[in-house]
Amino acid sequence: TPIREFLERSASTSNHSSRPAGWWQRLRHRLATN
């Protein structure tokens, strides 16, 4: 499931320069719950 979510994330939201602040921390928490 987390692999599919990563693969299907749009190119725009996967662009490093467009990440909102705290994105990595929120993703790690979401992956942990999965």
Full PDB file with SEQRES, HELIX, SHEET, SSBOND, CRYST1, ORIGX, SCALE, CONECT and MASTER records, all heavy atoms in Angstrom:
SEQRES   1 A   34  THR PRO ILE ARG GLU PHE LEU GLU ARG SER ALA SER THR          
SEQRES   2 A   34  SER ASN HIS SER SER ARG PRO ALA GLY TRP TRP GLN ARG          
SEQRES   3 A   34  LEU ARG HIS ARG LEU ALA THR ASN                              
HELIX    1 AA1 PRO A    2  GLU A    8  1                                   7    
HELIX    2 AA2 ALA A   11  SER A   14  1                                   4    
HELIX    3 AA3 HIS A   16  SER A   18  5                                   3    
HELIX    4 AA4 TRP A   23  THR A   33  1                                  11    
CRYST1    1.000    1.000    1.000  90.00  90.00  90.00 P 1           1          
ORIGX1      1.000000  0.000000  0.000000        0.00000                         
ORIGX2      0.000000  1.000000  0.000000        0.00000                         
ORIGX3      0.000000  0.000000  1.000000        0.00000                         
SCALE1      1.000000  0.000000  0.000000        0.00000                         
SCALE2      0.000000  1.000000  0.000000        0.00000                         
SCALE3      0.000000  0.000000  1.000000        0.00000                         
ATOM      1  N   THR A   1       0.814  -1.221   0.000  1.00  0.00           N  
ATOM      2  CA  THR A   1       0.000   0.000   0.000  1.00  0.00           C  
ATOM      3  C   THR A   1       0.844   1.267   0.000  1.00  0.00           C  
ATOM      4  O   THR A   1       0.617   2.167  -0.830  1.00  0.00           O  
ATOM      5  CB  THR A   1      -0.982   0.008   1.175  1.00  0.00           C  
ATOM      6  OG1 THR A   1      -1.912  -1.076   1.015  1.00  0.00           O  
ATOM      7  CG2 THR A   1      -1.756   1.316   1.252  1.00  0.00           C  
ATOM      8  N   PRO A   2       1.835   1.412   0.885  1.00  0.00           N  
ATOM      9  CA  PRO A   2       2.653   2.632   0.816  1.00  0.00           C  
ATOM     10  C   PRO A   2       3.464   2.736  -0.468  1.00  0.00           C  
ATOM     11  O   PRO A   2       3.724   3.833  -0.953  1.00  0.00           O  
ATOM     12  CB  PRO A   2       3.558   2.542   2.051  1.00  0.00           C  
ATOM     13  CG  PRO A   2       3.538   1.114   2.458  1.00  0.00           C  
ATOM     14  CD  PRO A   2       2.198   0.589   2.060  1.00  0.00           C  
ATOM     15  N   ILE A   3       3.852   1.589  -1.042  1.00  0.00           N  
ATOM     16  CA  ILE A   3       4.570   1.614  -2.323  1.00  0.00           C  
ATOM     17  C   ILE A   3       3.643   2.135  -3.413  1.00  0.00           C  
ATOM     18  O   ILE A   3       4.028   2.987  -4.231  1.00  0.00           O  
ATOM     19  CB  ILE A   3       5.108   0.215  -2.672  1.00  0.00           C  
ATOM     20  CG1 ILE A   3       6.195  -0.200  -1.674  1.00  0.00           C  
ATOM     21  CG2 ILE A   3       5.645   0.184  -4.103  1.00  0.00           C  
ATOM     22  CD1 ILE A   3       6.685  -1.616  -1.855  1.00  0.00           C  
ATOM     23  N   ARG A   4       2.404   1.640  -3.444  1.00  0.00           N  
ATOM     24  CA  ARG A   4       1.456   2.113  -4.450  1.00  0.00           C  
ATOM     25  C   ARG A   4       1.212   3.615  -4.305  1.00  0.00           C  
ATOM     26  O   ARG A   4       1.169   4.356  -5.293  1.00  0.00           O  
ATOM     27  CB  ARG A   4       0.129   1.369  -4.339  1.00  0.00           C  
ATOM     28  CG  ARG A   4      -0.857   1.762  -5.458  1.00  0.00           C  
ATOM     29  CD  ARG A   4      -2.284   1.305  -5.200  1.00  0.00           C  
ATOM     30  NE  ARG A   4      -2.353  -0.132  -4.991  1.00  0.00           N  
ATOM     31  CZ  ARG A   4      -2.597  -0.701  -3.814  1.00  0.00           C  
ATOM     32  NH1 ARG A   4      -2.765   0.059  -2.740  1.00  0.00           N  
ATOM     33  NH2 ARG A   4      -2.657  -1.999  -3.705  1.00  0.00           N  
ATOM     34  N   GLU A   5       1.060   4.082  -3.077  1.00  0.00           N  
ATOM     35  CA  GLU A   5       0.830   5.505  -2.857  1.00  0.00           C  
ATOM     36  C   GLU A   5       2.010   6.326  -3.362  1.00  0.00           C  
ATOM     37  O   GLU A   5       1.829   7.388  -3.973  1.00  0.00           O  
ATOM     38  CB  GLU A   5       0.592   5.772  -1.375  1.00  0.00           C  
ATOM     39  CG  GLU A   5      -0.726   5.200  -0.860  1.00  0.00           C  
ATOM     40  CD  GLU A   5      -0.919   5.436   0.619  1.00  0.00           C  
ATOM     41  OE1 GLU A   5       0.003   5.998   1.261  1.00  0.00           O  
ATOM     42  OE2 GLU A   5      -1.984   5.060   1.148  1.00  0.00           O  
ATOM     43  N   PHE A   6       3.214   5.832  -3.131  1.00  0.00           N  
ATOM     44  CA  PHE A   6       4.408   6.531  -3.619  1.00  0.00           C  
ATOM     45  C   PHE A   6       4.443   6.535  -5.142  1.00  0.00           C  
ATOM     46  O   PHE A   6       4.733   7.559  -5.778  1.00  0.00           O  
ATOM     47  CB  PHE A   6       5.655   5.862  -3.058  1.00  0.00           C  
ATOM     48  CG  PHE A   6       6.944   6.335  -3.669  1.00  0.00           C  
ATOM     49  CD1 PHE A   6       7.515   7.545  -3.295  1.00  0.00           C  
ATOM     50  CD2 PHE A   6       7.600   5.571  -4.631  1.00  0.00           C  
ATOM     51  CE1 PHE A   6       8.703   7.989  -3.863  1.00  0.00           C  
ATOM     52  CE2 PHE A   6       8.789   6.000  -5.201  1.00  0.00           C  
ATOM     53  CZ  PHE A   6       9.334   7.217  -4.813  1.00  0.00           C  
ATOM     54  N   LEU A   7       4.152   5.395  -5.759  1.00  0.00           N  
ATOM     55  CA  LEU A   7       4.216   5.293  -7.215  1.00  0.00           C  
ATOM     56  C   LEU A   7       3.160   6.160  -7.890  1.00  0.00           C  
ATOM     57  O   LEU A   7       3.393   6.692  -8.988  1.00  0.00           O  
ATOM     58  CB  LEU A   7       4.035   3.837  -7.652  1.00  0.00           C  
ATOM     59  CG  LEU A   7       5.143   2.855  -7.289  1.00  0.00           C  
ATOM     60  CD1 LEU A   7       4.733   1.435  -7.661  1.00  0.00           C  
ATOM     61  CD2 LEU A   7       6.452   3.219  -7.979  1.00  0.00           C  
ATOM     62  N   GLU A   8       2.015   6.297  -7.259  1.00  0.00           N  
ATOM     63  CA  GLU A   8       0.908   6.993  -7.904  1.00  0.00           C  
ATOM     64  C   GLU A   8       0.834   8.471  -7.538  1.00  0.00           C  
ATOM     65  O   GLU A   8      -0.047   9.182  -8.045  1.00  0.00           O  
ATOM     66  CB  GLU A   8      -0.408   6.289  -7.560  1.00  0.00           C  
ATOM     67  CG  GLU A   8      -0.470   4.877  -8.133  1.00  0.00           C  
ATOM     68  CD  GLU A   8      -1.770   4.147  -7.835  1.00  0.00           C  
ATOM     69  OE1 GLU A   8      -2.592   4.696  -7.065  1.00  0.00           O  
ATOM     70  OE2 GLU A   8      -1.966   3.027  -8.375  1.00  0.00           O  
ATOM     71  N   ARG A   9       1.743   8.913  -6.690  1.00  0.00           N  
ATOM     72  CA  ARG A   9       1.769  10.339  -6.382  1.00  0.00           C  
ATOM     73  C   ARG A   9       2.108  11.109  -7.644  1.00  0.00           C  
ATOM     74  O   ARG A   9       2.990  10.720  -8.408  1.00  0.00           O  
ATOM     75  CB  ARG A   9       2.805  10.612  -5.288  1.00  0.00           C  
ATOM     76  CG  ARG A   9       2.695  11.982  -4.642  1.00  0.00           C  
ATOM     77  CD  ARG A   9       3.608  12.073  -3.440  1.00  0.00           C  
ATOM     78  NE  ARG A   9       3.281  11.036  -2.468  1.00  0.00           N  
ATOM     79  CZ  ARG A   9       4.146  10.153  -2.001  1.00  0.00           C  
ATOM     80  NH1 ARG A   9       5.391  10.165  -2.428  1.00  0.00           N  
ATOM     81  NH2 ARG A   9       3.774   9.252  -1.126  1.00  0.00           N  
ATOM     82  N   SER A  10       1.424  12.201  -7.881  1.00  0.00           N  
ATOM     83  CA  SER A  10       1.617  12.954  -9.123  1.00  0.00           C  
ATOM     84  C   SER A  10       3.028  13.514  -9.191  1.00  0.00           C  
ATOM     85  O   SER A  10       3.692  13.739  -8.177  1.00  0.00           O  
ATOM     86  CB  SER A  10       0.609  14.092  -9.218  1.00  0.00           C  
ATOM     87  OG  SER A  10       0.883  15.090  -8.258  1.00  0.00           O  
ATOM     88  N   ALA A  11       3.473  13.753 -10.412  1.00  0.00           N  
ATOM     89  CA  ALA A  11       4.817  14.287 -10.615  1.00  0.00           C  
ATOM     90  C   ALA A  11       4.984  15.630  -9.936  1.00  0.00           C  
ATOM     91  O   ALA A  11       6.042  15.952  -9.403  1.00  0.00           O  
ATOM     92  CB  ALA A  11       5.110  14.407 -12.110  1.00  0.00           C  
ATOM     93  N   SER A  12       3.924  16.442  -9.914  1.00  0.00           N  
ATOM     94  CA  SER A  12       4.039  17.774  -9.320  1.00  0.00           C  
ATOM     95  C   SER A  12       4.255  17.699  -7.824  1.00  0.00           C  
ATOM     96  O   SER A  12       5.073  18.428  -7.257  1.00  0.00           O  
ATOM     97  CB  SER A  12       2.781  18.597  -9.617  1.00  0.00           C  
ATOM     98  OG  SER A  12       1.630  17.959  -9.077  1.00  0.00           O  
ATOM     99  N   THR A  13       3.540  16.780  -7.140  1.00  0.00           N  
ATOM    100  CA  THR A  13       3.722  16.674  -5.700  1.00  0.00           C  
ATOM    101  C   THR A  13       4.983  15.903  -5.350  1.00  0.00           C  
ATOM    102  O   THR A  13       5.410  15.916  -4.205  1.00  0.00           O  
ATOM    103  CB  THR A  13       2.518  15.973  -5.044  1.00  0.00           C  
ATOM    104  OG1 THR A  13       2.339  14.683  -5.628  1.00  0.00           O  
ATOM    105  CG2 THR A  13       1.258  16.785  -5.221  1.00  0.00           C  
ATOM    106  N   SER A  14       5.589  15.204  -6.322  1.00  0.00           N  
ATOM    107  CA  SER A  14       6.844  14.505  -6.075  1.00  0.00           C  
ATOM    108  C   SER A  14       8.052  15.383  -6.352  1.00  0.00           C  
ATOM    109  O   SER A  14       9.178  14.988  -6.093  1.00  0.00           O  
ATOM    110  CB  SER A  14       6.934  13.251  -6.959  1.00  0.00           C  
ATOM    111  OG  SER A  14       5.978  12.297  -6.573  1.00  0.00           O  
ATOM    112  N   ASN A  15       7.839  16.569  -6.886  1.00  0.00           N  
ATOM    113  CA  ASN A  15       8.941  17.476  -7.180  1.00  0.00           C  
ATOM    114  C   ASN A  15       9.536  18.001  -5.891  1.00  0.00           C  
ATOM    115  O   ASN A  15       8.837  18.567  -5.052  1.00  0.00           O  
ATOM    116  CB  ASN A  15       8.434  18.643  -8.041  1.00  0.00           C  
ATOM    117  CG  ASN A  15       9.566  19.506  -8.538  1.00  0.00           C  
ATOM    118  OD1 ASN A  15      10.309  20.070  -7.745  1.00  0.00           O  
ATOM    119  ND2 ASN A  15       9.694  19.604  -9.847  1.00  0.00           N  
ATOM    120  N   HIS A  16      10.836  17.829  -5.711  1.00  0.00           N  
ATOM    121  CA  HIS A  16      11.469  18.204  -4.456  1.00  0.00           C  
ATOM    122  C   HIS A  16      11.258  19.676  -4.128  1.00  0.00           C  
ATOM    123  O   HIS A  16      11.103  20.036  -2.971  1.00  0.00           O  
ATOM    124  CB  HIS A  16      12.971  17.900  -4.526  1.00  0.00           C  
ATOM    125  CG  HIS A  16      13.263  16.434  -4.477  1.00  0.00           C  
ATOM    126  ND1 HIS A  16      14.528  15.936  -4.386  1.00  0.00           N  
ATOM    127  CD2 HIS A  16      12.441  15.354  -4.517  1.00  0.00           C  
ATOM    128  CE1 HIS A  16      14.492  14.605  -4.373  1.00  0.00           C  
ATOM    129  NE2 HIS A  16      13.241  14.244  -4.449  1.00  0.00           N  
ATOM    130  N   SER A  17      11.273  20.520  -5.133  1.00  0.00           N  
ATOM    131  CA  SER A  17      11.193  21.940  -4.866  1.00  0.00           C  
ATOM    132  C   SER A  17       9.813  22.384  -4.427  1.00  0.00           C  
ATOM    133  O   SER A  17       9.634  23.485  -3.942  1.00  0.00           O  
ATOM    134  CB  SER A  17      11.602  22.729  -6.115  1.00  0.00           C  
ATOM    135  OG  SER A  17      10.688  22.460  -7.174  1.00  0.00           O  
ATOM    136  N   SER A  18       8.788  21.508  -4.616  1.00  0.00           N  
ATOM    137  CA  SER A  18       7.423  21.911  -4.306  1.00  0.00           C  
ATOM    138  C   SER A  18       6.911  21.326  -3.004  1.00  0.00           C  
ATOM    139  O   SER A  18       5.741  21.444  -2.689  1.00  0.00           O  
ATOM    140  CB  SER A  18       6.487  21.496  -5.456  1.00  0.00           C  
ATOM    141  OG  SER A  18       6.437  20.086  -5.557  1.00  0.00           O  
ATOM    142  N   ARG A  19       7.775  20.663  -2.207  1.00  0.00           N  
ATOM    143  CA  ARG A  19       7.311  20.051  -0.974  1.00  0.00           C  
ATOM    144  C   ARG A  19       6.923  21.130   0.044  1.00  0.00           C  
ATOM    145  O   ARG A  19       7.683  22.059   0.296  1.00  0.00           O  
ATOM    146  CB  ARG A  19       8.420  19.205  -0.334  1.00  0.00           C  
ATOM    147  CG  ARG A  19       8.978  18.124  -1.251  1.00  0.00           C  
ATOM    148  CD  ARG A  19       8.038  16.974  -1.388  1.00  0.00           C  
ATOM    149  NE  ARG A  19       8.749  15.844  -1.961  1.00  0.00           N  
ATOM    150  CZ  ARG A  19       8.159  14.760  -2.420  1.00  0.00           C  
ATOM    151  NH1 ARG A  19       6.877  14.656  -2.374  1.00  0.00           N  
ATOM    152  NH2 ARG A  19       8.870  13.770  -2.920  1.00  0.00           N  
ATOM    153  N   PRO A  20       5.762  20.980   0.699  1.00  0.00           N  
ATOM    154  CA  PRO A  20       5.439  21.886   1.787  1.00  0.00           C  
ATOM    155  C   PRO A  20       6.258  21.553   3.017  1.00  0.00           C  
ATOM    156  O   PRO A  20       6.748  20.434   3.170  1.00  0.00           O  
ATOM    157  CB  PRO A  20       3.948  21.615   2.018  1.00  0.00           C  
ATOM    158  CG  PRO A  20       3.738  20.201   1.556  1.00  0.00           C  
ATOM    159  CD  PRO A  20       4.692  20.022   0.399  1.00  0.00           C  
ATOM    160  N   ALA A  21       6.401  22.513   3.895  1.00  0.00           N  
ATOM    161  CA  ALA A  21       7.173  22.286   5.121  1.00  0.00           C  
ATOM    162  C   ALA A  21       6.549  21.163   5.926  1.00  0.00           C  
ATOM    163  O   ALA A  21       5.325  21.071   6.066  1.00  0.00           O  
ATOM    164  CB  ALA A  21       7.194  23.575   5.958  1.00  0.00           C  
ATOM    165  N   GLY A  22       7.383  20.277   6.457  1.00  0.00           N  
ATOM    166  CA  GLY A  22       6.923  19.180   7.297  1.00  0.00           C  
ATOM    167  C   GLY A  22       6.402  17.989   6.521  1.00  0.00           C  
ATOM    168  O   GLY A  22       5.894  17.031   7.105  1.00  0.00           O  
ATOM    169  N   TRP A  23       6.529  18.010   5.168  1.00  0.00           N  
ATOM    170  CA  TRP A  23       6.003  16.912   4.355  1.00  0.00           C  
ATOM    171  C   TRP A  23       6.610  15.584   4.753  1.00  0.00           C  
ATOM    172  O   TRP A  23       5.910  14.584   4.896  1.00  0.00           O  
ATOM    173  CB  TRP A  23       6.295  17.199   2.878  1.00  0.00           C  
ATOM    174  CG  TRP A  23       5.806  16.120   1.956  1.00  0.00           C  
ATOM    175  CD1 TRP A  23       4.598  16.062   1.347  1.00  0.00           C  
ATOM    176  CD2 TRP A  23       6.506  14.945   1.549  1.00  0.00           C  
ATOM    177  NE1 TRP A  23       4.499  14.932   0.589  1.00  0.00           N  
ATOM    178  CE2 TRP A  23       5.648  14.224   0.691  1.00  0.00           C  
ATOM    179  CE3 TRP A  23       7.772  14.423   1.826  1.00  0.00           C  
ATOM    180  CZ2 TRP A  23       6.027  13.024   0.119  1.00  0.00           C  
ATOM    181  CZ3 TRP A  23       8.131  13.226   1.255  1.00  0.00           C  
ATOM    182  CH2 TRP A  23       7.269  12.542   0.417  1.00  0.00           C  
ATOM    183  N   TRP A  24       7.939  15.548   4.941  1.00  0.00           N  
ATOM    184  CA  TRP A  24       8.627  14.289   5.249  1.00  0.00           C  
ATOM    185  C   TRP A  24       8.159  13.712   6.575  1.00  0.00           C  
ATOM    186  O   TRP A  24       7.882  12.533   6.705  1.00  0.00           O  
ATOM    187  CB  TRP A  24      10.119  14.532   5.251  1.00  0.00           C  
ATOM    188  CG  TRP A  24      10.972  13.429   5.836  1.00  0.00           C  
ATOM    189  CD1 TRP A  24      11.900  13.538   6.812  1.00  0.00           C  
ATOM    190  CD2 TRP A  24      10.986  12.050   5.462  1.00  0.00           C  
ATOM    191  NE1 TRP A  24      12.488  12.334   7.070  1.00  0.00           N  
ATOM    192  CE2 TRP A  24      11.939  11.401   6.249  1.00  0.00           C  
ATOM    193  CE3 TRP A  24      10.272  11.305   4.522  1.00  0.00           C  
ATOM    194  CZ2 TRP A  24      12.203  10.058   6.152  1.00  0.00           C  
ATOM    195  CZ3 TRP A  24      10.536   9.942   4.429  1.00  0.00           C  
ATOM    196  CH2 TRP A  24      11.491   9.349   5.234  1.00  0.00           C  
ATOM    197  N   GLN A  25       7.998  14.570   7.590  1.00  0.00           N  
ATOM    198  CA  GLN A  25       7.572  14.077   8.891  1.00  0.00           C  
ATOM    199  C   GLN A  25       6.155  13.503   8.817  1.00  0.00           C  
ATOM    200  O   GLN A  25       5.860  12.455   9.401  1.00  0.00           O  
ATOM    201  CB  GLN A  25       7.635  15.205   9.925  1.00  0.00           C  
ATOM    202  CG  GLN A  25       9.055  15.609  10.308  1.00  0.00           C  
ATOM    203  CD  GLN A  25       9.701  16.513   9.278  1.00  0.00           C  
ATOM    204  OE1 GLN A  25       9.057  16.922   8.317  1.00  0.00           O  
ATOM    205  NE2 GLN A  25      10.972  16.831   9.489  1.00  0.00           N  
ATOM    206  N   ARG A  26       5.266  14.172   8.077  1.00  0.00           N  
ATOM    207  CA  ARG A  26       3.893  13.673   7.963  1.00  0.00           C  
ATOM    208  C   ARG A  26       3.846  12.358   7.194  1.00  0.00           C  
ATOM    209  O   ARG A  26       3.090  11.448   7.531  1.00  0.00           O  
ATOM    210  CB  ARG A  26       3.006  14.718   7.273  1.00  0.00           C  
ATOM    211  CG  ARG A  26       2.765  15.958   8.134  1.00  0.00           C  
ATOM    212  CD  ARG A  26       1.577  16.760   7.588  1.00  0.00           C  
ATOM    213  NE  ARG A  26       1.823  17.259   6.251  1.00  0.00           N  
ATOM    214  CZ  ARG A  26       2.462  18.407   5.995  1.00  0.00           C  
ATOM    215  NH1 ARG A  26       2.926  19.140   7.002  1.00  0.00           N  
ATOM    216  NH2 ARG A  26       2.641  18.826   4.757  1.00  0.00           N  
ATOM    217  N   LEU A  27       4.662  12.246   6.127  1.00  0.00           N  
ATOM    218  CA  LEU A  27       4.679  11.001   5.359  1.00  0.00           C  
ATOM    219  C   LEU A  27       5.192   9.845   6.202  1.00  0.00           C  
ATOM    220  O   LEU A  27       4.626   8.751   6.189  1.00  0.00           O  
ATOM    221  CB  LEU A  27       5.545  11.153   4.112  1.00  0.00           C  
ATOM    222  CG  LEU A  27       5.681   9.879   3.266  1.00  0.00           C  
ATOM    223  CD1 LEU A  27       4.313   9.462   2.737  1.00  0.00           C  
ATOM    224  CD2 LEU A  27       6.650  10.085   2.134  1.00  0.00           C  
ATOM    225  N   ARG A  28       6.256  10.076   6.965  1.00  0.00           N  
ATOM    226  CA  ARG A  28       6.799   8.997   7.804  1.00  0.00           C  
ATOM    227  C   ARG A  28       5.750   8.521   8.792  1.00  0.00           C  
ATOM    228  O   ARG A  28       5.604   7.333   9.043  1.00  0.00           O  
ATOM    229  CB  ARG A  28       8.049   9.479   8.538  1.00  0.00           C  
ATOM    230  CG  ARG A  28       9.234   9.694   7.637  1.00  0.00           C  
ATOM    231  CD  ARG A  28      10.501   9.874   8.418  1.00  0.00           C  
ATOM    232  NE  ARG A  28      10.896   8.612   9.048  1.00  0.00           N  
ATOM    233  CZ  ARG A  28      12.029   8.449   9.723  1.00  0.00           C  
ATOM    234  NH1 ARG A  28      12.867   9.449   9.858  1.00  0.00           N  
ATOM    235  NH2 ARG A  28      12.319   7.291  10.267  1.00  0.00           N  
ATOM    236  N   HIS A  29       4.985   9.481   9.366  1.00  0.00           N  
ATOM    237  CA  HIS A  29       3.955   9.079  10.317  1.00  0.00           C  
ATOM    238  C   HIS A  29       2.878   8.253   9.621  1.00  0.00           C  
ATOM    239  O   HIS A  29       2.424   7.226  10.125  1.00  0.00           O  
ATOM    240  CB  HIS A  29       3.338  10.325  10.955  1.00  0.00           C  
ATOM    241  CG  HIS A  29       2.159  10.004  11.841  1.00  0.00           C  
ATOM    242  ND1 HIS A  29       2.284   9.422  13.086  1.00  0.00           N  
ATOM    243  CD2 HIS A  29       0.818  10.167  11.640  1.00  0.00           C  
ATOM    244  CE1 HIS A  29       1.099   9.254  13.621  1.00  0.00           C  
ATOM    245  NE2 HIS A  29       0.186   9.686  12.766  1.00  0.00           N  
ATOM    246  N   ARG A  30       2.454   8.679   8.412  1.00  0.00           N  
ATOM    247  CA  ARG A  30       1.412   7.984   7.689  1.00  0.00           C  
ATOM    248  C   ARG A  30       1.865   6.587   7.283  1.00  0.00           C  
ATOM    249  O   ARG A  30       1.120   5.613   7.385  1.00  0.00           O  
ATOM    250  CB  ARG A  30       0.993   8.788   6.460  1.00  0.00           C  
ATOM    251  CG  ARG A  30      -0.126   8.152   5.654  1.00  0.00           C  
ATOM    252  CD  ARG A  30      -0.836   9.191   4.817  1.00  0.00           C  
ATOM    253  NE  ARG A  30       0.101   9.842   3.929  1.00  0.00           N  
ATOM    254  CZ  ARG A  30       0.420   9.361   2.726  1.00  0.00           C  
ATOM    255  NH1 ARG A  30      -0.086   8.238   2.297  1.00  0.00           N  
ATOM    256  NH2 ARG A  30       1.257  10.025   1.935  1.00  0.00           N  
ATOM    257  N   LEU A  31       3.109   6.471   6.818  1.00  0.00           N  
ATOM    258  CA  LEU A  31       3.630   5.160   6.451  1.00  0.00           C  
ATOM    259  C   LEU A  31       3.690   4.239   7.663  1.00  0.00           C  
ATOM    260  O   LEU A  31       3.407   3.060   7.583  1.00  0.00           O  
ATOM    261  CB  LEU A  31       4.997   5.300   5.810  1.00  0.00           C  
ATOM    262  CG  LEU A  31       5.028   5.939   4.418  1.00  0.00           C  
ATOM    263  CD1 LEU A  31       6.475   6.089   3.964  1.00  0.00           C  
ATOM    264  CD2 LEU A  31       4.231   5.142   3.422  1.00  0.00           C  
ATOM    265  N   ALA A  32       4.081   4.804   8.804  1.00  0.00           N  
ATOM    266  CA  ALA A  32       4.190   3.983  10.020  1.00  0.00           C  
ATOM    267  C   ALA A  32       2.845   3.397  10.392  1.00  0.00           C  
ATOM    268  O   ALA A  32       2.733   2.252  10.836  1.00  0.00           O  
ATOM    269  CB  ALA A  32       4.750   4.824  11.164  1.00  0.00           C  
ATOM    270  N   THR A  33       1.759   4.171  10.204  1.00  0.00           N  
ATOM    271  CA  THR A  33       0.449   3.659  10.548  1.00  0.00           C  
ATOM    272  C   THR A  33      -0.040   2.591   9.593  1.00  0.00           C  
ATOM    273  O   THR A  33      -0.958   1.855   9.888  1.00  0.00           O  
ATOM    274  CB  THR A  33      -0.581   4.802  10.576  1.00  0.00           C  
ATOM    275  OG1 THR A  33      -0.682   5.370   9.259  1.00  0.00           O  
ATOM    276  CG2 THR A  33      -0.184   5.879  11.574  1.00  0.00           C  
ATOM    277  N   ASN A  34       0.607   2.471   8.421  1.00  0.00           N  
ATOM    278  CA  ASN A  34       0.214   1.470   7.433  1.00  0.00           C  
ATOM    279  C   ASN A  34       0.956   0.145   7.608  1.00  0.00           C  
ATOM    280  O   ASN A  34       0.725  -0.781   6.856  1.00  0.00           O  
ATOM    281  CB  ASN A  34       0.476   1.982   6.008  1.00  0.00           C  
ATOM    282  CG  ASN A  34      -0.569   2.970   5.570  1.00  0.00           C  
ATOM    283  OD1 ASN A  34      -1.693   2.932   6.062  1.00  0.00           O  
ATOM    284  ND2 ASN A  34      -0.199   3.858   4.663  1.00  0.00           N  
TER     285      ASN A  34                                                      
MASTER        0    0    0    4    0    0    0    6  284    1    0    3          
END                                                                             
